[in-house]
Amino acid sequence: MRLLTVVLAVARRTVTVPVVVLVDVALVATAPVSFAVAAGVALLARSTRPLRTVALVVAYAVIELSVLPRLLGGGERDWDELLREVLGRGYRAMELLLDVRVVVESGSAEAEQLRGAGGVVVLARHCGPGDSLFIAWLLAVRYGLRLRVVLTALLRLEPAVDLAGDHLPLCFIGHNRRRARARVGRLAASMGAGDVLLLFPEGGNFSWPRWRRSVADLAAAGADRRVRRFLHNTHTLPPRLGGAMAALDGAPTADVLLLAHSGFTDDGRDRPLWRLPTHRDLLVRTALVPAAAVPRGDVEALSAWLDRAWSQIDAWVENHAELPHPLTGTDGRAHRR
């Protein structure tokens, strides 16, 4: 199995690395033309979003081109520091080009509280492309923690993420749930003071089709109580138990950090991939739950605890979604497009 994994990785990277490098070089080389075209579109649309979009794509290409040789070389002394560097550059690009930033709500957990001897399992809401970068930045850069992340195996098609998995504790999971739980459990078991394991129990970004499918699946499984609960939770998806249980069983002394955020849309839900957020704050609220207060080893008790926590997250999102303003438009910032 190990040999097959290595062979598949080599075959995959033989394709993805050259393709992505060529695309990135082309994006950088044609940037002047792209900016000229975007400027024309921006004038017609009376919006800066086309220019911001091109600038962000070019910035991403530059960051990736600068990081790939270091990942391929494998000579870094501190891979966690490289991760913080990349996350910092990505965050600064988003902040400068899109005018978006992370704001932590008063009353959230402080960095000093997240350095327990058994590490911390972070269970975060997932809503819209990009939120995971901001959450990772918050944990690794602002709080200075060593980050472990559970990711979908599809992200191996992005060579920078794929190669980083050779040097950093990234857990790529596919459709084999038993294997995925085993990998998450092993990763959690390796945690110590200053380590955090980031999971997204919903399994994907919020969307109405996913929400309807999730509720229908619960109904088909006879989980009537969960159906009634999640019919009222209209900003989050029902959390999946497998990954969270594997992490908590693997790290029995780890505290749990519940993380909610406001998203990048007026209603706090998902947004189209192509519509980049501008002039927004990602408001984050966290709550630290001591290890002793988290039910472990009991599937039903943990499921009920996680469902209650997610209902609280859903209510927080609903209460913090931006309301339309009758004079300035849907987001209260119509003059800052």
Protein backbone atom coordinates (compact mmCIF):
# COMPACT_ATOMS: atom_id res chain seq x y z
CA MET A 1 0.00 0.00 0.00
CA ARG A 2 2.82 2.40 0.87
CA LEU A 3 4.56 1.70 -2.44
CA LEU A 4 1.32 2.23 -4.36
CA THR A 5 0.79 5.57 -2.59
CA VAL A 6 4.28 6.72 -3.57
CA VAL A 7 3.79 5.66 -7.19
CA LEU A 8 0.45 7.46 -7.42
CA ALA A 9 1.94 10.59 -5.86
CA VAL A 10 4.81 10.65 -8.35
CA ALA A 11 2.44 10.10 -11.27
CA ARG A 12 0.09 12.83 -10.03
CA ARG A 13 2.84 15.38 -9.48
CA THR A 14 4.43 14.62 -12.85
CA VAL A 15 1.26 16.12 -14.31
CA THR A 16 0.11 18.73 -11.79
CA VAL A 17 3.40 20.48 -11.02
CA PRO A 18 4.39 21.34 -14.64
CA VAL A 19 0.82 22.30 -15.56
CA VAL A 20 0.38 24.61 -12.60
CA VAL A 21 3.82 26.18 -13.07
CA LEU A 22 3.05 26.90 -16.73
CA VAL A 23 -0.32 28.40 -15.83
CA ASP A 24 1.20 30.54 -13.07
CA VAL A 25 3.99 31.79 -15.34
CA ALA A 26 1.43 32.63 -18.02
CA LEU A 27 -0.70 34.52 -15.49
CA VAL A 28 2.27 36.60 -14.32
CA ALA A 29 3.59 37.20 -17.86
CA THR A 30 0.22 38.36 -19.17
CA ALA A 31 -0.63 40.40 -16.10
CA PRO A 32 -0.34 43.81 -17.87
CA VAL A 33 -2.84 42.72 -20.52
CA SER A 34 -5.15 41.18 -17.91
CA PHE A 35 -5.10 44.38 -15.86
CA ALA A 36 -5.87 46.48 -18.95
CA VAL A 37 -8.85 44.30 -19.83
CA ALA A 38 -10.04 44.26 -16.22
CA ALA A 39 -9.78 48.06 -16.05
CA GLY A 40 -12.07 48.34 -19.08
CA VAL A 41 -14.58 45.95 -17.58
CA ALA A 42 -14.39 47.80 -14.27
CA LEU A 43 -15.26 51.08 -15.97
CA LEU A 44 -18.25 49.54 -17.71
CA ALA A 45 -19.44 47.78 -14.57
CA ARG A 46 -18.63 50.75 -12.34
CA SER A 47 -17.03 48.33 -9.89
CA THR A 48 -13.47 47.62 -8.79
CA ARG A 49 -14.18 43.90 -8.43
CA PRO A 50 -12.75 42.91 -11.89
CA LEU A 51 -9.44 44.61 -11.07
CA ARG A 52 -9.36 43.12 -7.59
CA THR A 53 -10.05 39.66 -8.98
CA VAL A 54 -7.19 39.83 -11.49
CA ALA A 55 -4.84 41.22 -8.85
CA LEU A 56 -5.67 38.41 -6.43
CA VAL A 57 -5.20 35.70 -9.08
CA VAL A 58 -1.80 37.14 -10.03
CA ALA A 59 -0.81 37.45 -6.38
CA TYR A 60 -1.71 33.80 -5.81
CA ALA A 61 0.39 32.78 -8.82
CA VAL A 62 3.37 34.75 -7.52
CA ILE A 63 3.10 33.19 -4.06
CA GLU A 64 2.79 29.71 -5.52
CA LEU A 65 5.77 30.14 -7.86
CA SER A 66 7.90 31.30 -4.95
CA VAL A 67 6.87 28.43 -2.67
CA LEU A 68 6.97 25.44 -5.03
CA PRO A 69 10.79 25.37 -5.38
CA ARG A 70 11.14 25.40 -1.60
CA LEU A 71 8.68 22.53 -1.24
CA LEU A 72 10.39 20.54 -3.98
CA GLY A 73 13.84 21.24 -2.50
CA GLY A 74 12.84 20.02 0.94
CA GLY A 75 15.58 21.96 2.71
CA GLU A 76 13.49 24.08 5.07
CA ARG A 77 14.56 24.07 8.72
CA ASP A 78 11.10 24.89 10.07
CA TRP A 79 8.13 23.77 8.01
CA ASP A 80 5.66 25.31 10.44
CA GLU A 81 7.36 28.65 9.90
CA LEU A 82 7.02 28.23 6.12
CA LEU A 83 3.31 27.54 6.59
CA ARG A 84 2.94 30.68 8.68
CA GLU A 85 4.82 32.65 6.04
CA VAL A 86 2.55 31.47 3.23
CA LEU A 87 -0.62 32.00 5.26
CA GLY A 88 0.62 35.47 6.21
CA ARG A 89 1.29 36.40 2.59
CA GLY A 90 -2.10 35.08 1.52
CA TYR A 91 -3.88 36.96 4.29
CA ARG A 92 -2.08 40.21 3.50
CA ALA A 93 -2.99 39.84 -0.19
CA MET A 94 -6.67 39.36 0.69
CA GLU A 95 -6.57 42.26 3.12
CA LEU A 96 -4.83 44.64 0.70
CA LEU A 97 -6.60 43.69 -2.52
CA LEU A 98 -10.10 42.88 -1.26
CA ASP A 99 -10.24 44.89 1.96
CA VAL A 100 -11.25 41.85 4.02
CA ARG A 101 -9.88 40.86 7.39
CA VAL A 102 -10.50 38.69 10.44
CA VAL A 103 -12.08 40.27 13.49
CA VAL A 104 -12.36 38.16 16.66
CA GLU A 105 -15.41 38.87 18.77
CA SER A 106 -14.88 39.92 22.36
CA GLY A 107 -15.23 37.01 24.76
CA SER A 108 -13.58 34.50 22.45
CA ALA A 109 -10.78 32.25 23.67
CA GLU A 110 -7.35 33.85 24.05
CA ALA A 111 -4.19 32.39 22.52
CA GLU A 112 -2.81 31.48 25.94
CA GLN A 113 -5.84 29.27 26.62
CA LEU A 114 -5.11 27.17 23.52
CA ARG A 115 -1.80 25.73 24.68
CA GLY A 116 -3.08 22.87 26.80
CA ALA A 117 -0.81 19.86 27.24
CA GLY A 118 -3.06 17.62 25.14
CA GLY A 119 -3.48 20.05 22.26
CA VAL A 120 -6.77 21.44 20.95
CA VAL A 121 -9.27 20.00 18.49
CA VAL A 122 -10.86 22.86 16.52
CA LEU A 123 -14.35 22.19 15.16
CA ALA A 124 -15.10 25.00 12.73
CA ARG A 125 -18.00 26.09 10.62
CA HIS A 126 -17.33 25.87 6.86
CA CYS A 127 -19.08 28.31 4.58
CA GLY A 128 -17.74 29.51 1.25
CA PRO A 129 -14.35 29.28 -0.45
CA GLY A 130 -11.61 31.15 1.39
CA ASP A 131 -12.88 30.90 4.95
CA SER A 132 -10.51 28.02 5.69
CA LEU A 133 -7.50 30.20 4.79
CA PHE A 134 -8.60 32.88 7.26
CA ILE A 135 -9.23 30.33 10.01
CA ALA A 136 -5.85 28.69 9.40
CA TRP A 137 -4.21 32.13 9.48
CA LEU A 138 -5.92 32.93 12.78
CA LEU A 139 -4.71 29.73 14.42
CA ALA A 140 -1.20 29.49 12.97
CA VAL A 141 -0.15 33.13 12.56
CA ARG A 142 -2.12 35.25 14.98
CA TYR A 143 -2.19 32.65 17.75
CA GLY A 144 1.19 31.09 16.88
CA LEU A 145 0.00 27.49 17.15
CA ARG A 146 1.30 24.46 15.25
CA LEU A 147 -1.42 23.57 12.81
CA ARG A 148 -2.75 20.19 11.75
CA VAL A 149 -5.55 20.22 9.16
CA VAL A 150 -8.00 17.63 7.83
CA LEU A 151 -8.48 18.26 4.10
CA THR A 152 -10.35 16.70 1.20
CA ALA A 153 -8.16 14.50 -0.99
CA LEU A 154 -9.17 16.62 -4.01
CA LEU A 155 -6.79 19.32 -2.77
CA ARG A 156 -3.90 17.05 -3.76
CA LEU A 157 -4.52 18.35 -7.28
CA GLU A 158 -3.10 21.66 -6.04
CA PRO A 159 0.64 20.85 -6.04
CA ALA A 160 1.61 23.35 -3.34
CA VAL A 161 -0.87 21.77 -0.93
CA ASP A 162 0.05 18.27 -2.13
CA LEU A 163 3.79 18.78 -1.60
CA ALA A 164 3.23 20.50 1.75
CA GLY A 165 1.65 17.25 2.93
CA ASP A 166 5.10 15.62 2.71
CA HIS A 167 6.47 17.97 5.36
CA LEU A 168 3.49 19.13 7.43
CA PRO A 169 0.83 17.24 9.39
CA LEU A 170 -1.92 17.51 6.77
CA CYS A 171 -4.52 14.75 6.64
CA PHE A 172 -6.06 14.15 3.21
CA ILE A 173 -9.24 12.10 3.33
CA GLY A 174 -11.26 10.50 0.55
CA HIS A 175 -14.41 8.39 0.34
CA ASN A 176 -13.11 5.51 2.45
CA ARG A 177 -14.55 6.55 5.81
CA ARG A 178 -12.85 3.85 7.88
CA ARG A 179 -9.44 4.80 6.53
CA ALA A 180 -10.21 8.49 6.97
CA ARG A 181 -11.15 8.03 10.63
CA ALA A 182 -7.97 6.05 11.24
CA ARG A 183 -5.83 8.80 9.72
CA VAL A 184 -7.57 11.52 11.74
CA GLY A 185 -7.14 9.49 14.93
CA ARG A 186 -3.40 9.00 14.34
CA LEU A 187 -2.94 12.69 13.61
CA ALA A 188 -4.80 13.68 16.77
CA ALA A 189 -2.79 11.25 18.88
CA SER A 190 0.43 13.03 17.92
CA MET A 191 -0.65 16.36 19.41
CA GLY A 192 0.97 18.07 22.33
CA ALA A 193 1.06 21.53 23.89
CA GLY A 194 0.79 24.24 21.24
CA ASP A 195 -0.74 21.92 18.61
CA VAL A 196 -4.21 22.34 17.10
CA LEU A 197 -6.12 20.01 14.79
CA LEU A 198 -8.56 21.82 12.50
CA LEU A 199 -11.64 19.95 11.27
CA PHE A 200 -14.79 21.04 9.47
CA PRO A 201 -17.48 18.60 10.70
CA GLU A 202 -20.03 19.71 8.09
CA GLY A 203 -17.87 18.13 5.38
CA GLY A 204 -18.36 20.96 2.89
CA ASN A 205 -19.45 24.53 2.34
CA PHE A 206 -23.05 25.41 3.13
CA SER A 207 -25.47 25.46 0.19
CA TRP A 208 -29.21 24.98 0.06
CA PRO A 209 -28.98 21.80 -2.08
CA ARG A 210 -26.53 20.29 0.43
CA TRP A 211 -28.73 21.36 3.33
CA ARG A 212 -31.78 19.71 1.76
CA ARG A 213 -29.85 16.52 0.98
CA SER A 214 -28.48 16.36 4.52
CA VAL A 215 -31.91 16.72 6.10
CA ALA A 216 -33.37 14.17 3.66
CA ASP A 217 -30.58 11.70 4.52
CA LEU A 218 -31.31 12.10 8.24
CA ALA A 219 -35.01 11.50 7.60
CA ALA A 220 -34.24 8.39 5.54
CA ALA A 221 -32.05 7.09 8.37
CA GLY A 222 -34.91 7.52 10.84
CA ALA A 223 -33.15 10.27 12.82
CA ASP A 224 -36.38 12.19 13.44
CA ARG A 225 -35.02 14.16 16.39
CA ARG A 226 -32.05 15.41 14.36
CA VAL A 227 -34.38 16.29 11.47
CA ARG A 228 -36.55 18.43 13.74
CA ARG A 229 -33.48 20.14 15.16
CA PHE A 230 -31.83 20.88 11.83
CA LEU A 231 -34.98 22.09 10.12
CA HIS A 232 -34.45 25.12 12.36
CA ASN A 233 -30.71 25.35 11.60
CA THR A 234 -30.69 27.15 8.26
CA HIS A 235 -27.15 28.57 8.23
CA THR A 236 -25.20 25.36 8.88
CA LEU A 237 -25.19 21.75 7.71
CA PRO A 238 -25.72 18.87 10.18
CA PRO A 239 -22.25 17.97 11.51
CA ARG A 240 -20.84 14.54 10.70
CA LEU A 241 -19.70 12.56 13.69
CA GLY A 242 -16.94 10.34 12.25
CA GLY A 243 -14.05 12.78 12.00
CA ALA A 244 -14.82 14.57 15.25
CA MET A 245 -15.09 11.30 17.18
CA ALA A 246 -11.85 9.99 15.66
CA ALA A 247 -10.03 13.16 16.67
CA LEU A 248 -11.45 13.23 20.19
CA ASP A 249 -10.76 9.54 20.79
CA GLY A 250 -7.25 9.92 19.40
CA ALA A 251 -6.53 12.87 21.69
CA PRO A 252 -8.37 12.07 24.93
CA THR A 253 -6.87 15.00 26.86
CA ALA A 254 -7.40 17.61 24.11
CA ASP A 255 -9.69 20.55 24.73
CA VAL A 256 -12.18 21.51 22.01
CA LEU A 257 -12.46 24.91 20.37
CA LEU A 258 -15.81 25.58 18.71
CA LEU A 259 -15.40 28.18 15.97
CA ALA A 260 -18.20 30.14 14.31
CA HIS A 261 -17.84 32.92 11.77
CA SER A 262 -20.12 35.33 9.94
CA GLY A 263 -19.17 34.35 6.39
CA PHE A 264 -18.75 36.77 3.51
CA THR A 265 -22.36 37.33 2.47
CA ASP A 266 -25.18 39.45 3.83
CA ASP A 267 -27.13 36.44 5.10
CA GLY A 268 -24.09 34.62 6.50
CA ARG A 269 -24.40 31.73 4.06
CA ASP A 270 -22.43 30.53 1.05
CA ARG A 271 -21.42 32.66 -1.94
CA PRO A 272 -20.52 31.81 -5.54
CA LEU A 273 -16.86 30.97 -6.10
CA TRP A 274 -16.48 33.68 -8.74
CA ARG A 275 -17.86 36.50 -6.57
CA LEU A 276 -14.97 37.59 -4.38
CA PRO A 277 -15.87 39.34 -1.13
CA THR A 278 -14.84 42.99 -0.79
CA HIS A 279 -14.90 45.46 2.10
CA ARG A 280 -15.92 42.89 4.66
CA ASP A 281 -14.83 41.63 8.05
CA LEU A 282 -14.94 37.93 8.84
CA LEU A 283 -16.28 38.06 12.38
CA VAL A 284 -15.09 35.04 14.36
CA ARG A 285 -16.42 33.76 17.65
CA THR A 286 -14.76 30.91 19.52
CA ALA A 287 -15.64 28.98 22.66
CA LEU A 288 -13.17 26.71 24.46
CA VAL A 289 -14.61 23.54 25.97
CA PRO A 290 -12.37 21.72 28.50
CA ALA A 291 -11.53 18.12 27.68
CA ALA A 292 -13.41 16.84 30.73
CA ALA A 293 -16.65 18.48 29.52
CA VAL A 294 -16.64 16.70 26.14
CA PRO A 295 -18.32 13.27 26.06
CA ARG A 296 -15.90 10.70 24.65
CA GLY A 297 -16.41 7.03 23.92
CA ASP A 298 -20.21 7.35 23.78
CA VAL A 299 -21.51 7.80 20.25
CA GLU A 300 -24.99 8.96 21.22
CA ALA A 301 -23.77 11.38 23.88
CA LEU A 302 -21.14 12.90 21.58
CA SER A 303 -23.65 13.18 18.74
CA ALA A 304 -26.14 15.01 20.97
CA TRP A 305 -23.37 17.29 22.31
CA LEU A 306 -22.15 18.14 18.80
CA ASP A 307 -25.68 18.79 17.55
CA ARG A 308 -26.33 21.18 20.46
CA ALA A 309 -23.06 22.97 19.78
CA TRP A 310 -23.92 23.33 16.11
CA SER A 311 -27.37 24.70 16.92
CA GLN A 312 -25.66 27.37 19.01
CA ILE A 313 -23.29 28.13 16.13
CA ASP A 314 -26.25 28.37 13.75
CA ALA A 315 -28.05 30.79 16.07
CA TRP A 316 -24.90 32.91 16.41
CA VAL A 317 -24.51 33.15 12.63
CA GLU A 318 -28.16 34.13 12.20
CA ASN A 319 -27.82 36.84 14.84
CA HIS A 320 -24.65 38.23 13.26
CA ALA A 321 -25.64 38.19 9.59
CA GLU A 322 -25.68 41.70 8.12
CA LEU A 323 -29.17 43.09 7.60
CA PRO A 324 -30.03 45.03 4.41
CA HIS A 325 -29.87 48.80 4.78
CA PRO A 326 -32.68 50.73 3.04
CA LEU A 327 -30.40 53.56 1.89
CA THR A 328 -27.03 52.05 1.14
CA GLY A 329 -27.95 48.65 -0.29
CA THR A 330 -27.62 45.03 0.70
CA ASP A 331 -24.37 45.21 2.60
CA GLY A 332 -24.35 48.76 3.91
CA ARG A 333 -21.23 49.54 1.85
CA ALA A 334 -22.59 50.26 -1.60
CA HIS A 335 -20.13 53.11 -2.14
CA ARG A 336 -17.09 50.90 -1.51
CA ARG A 337 -17.39 48.45 -4.37
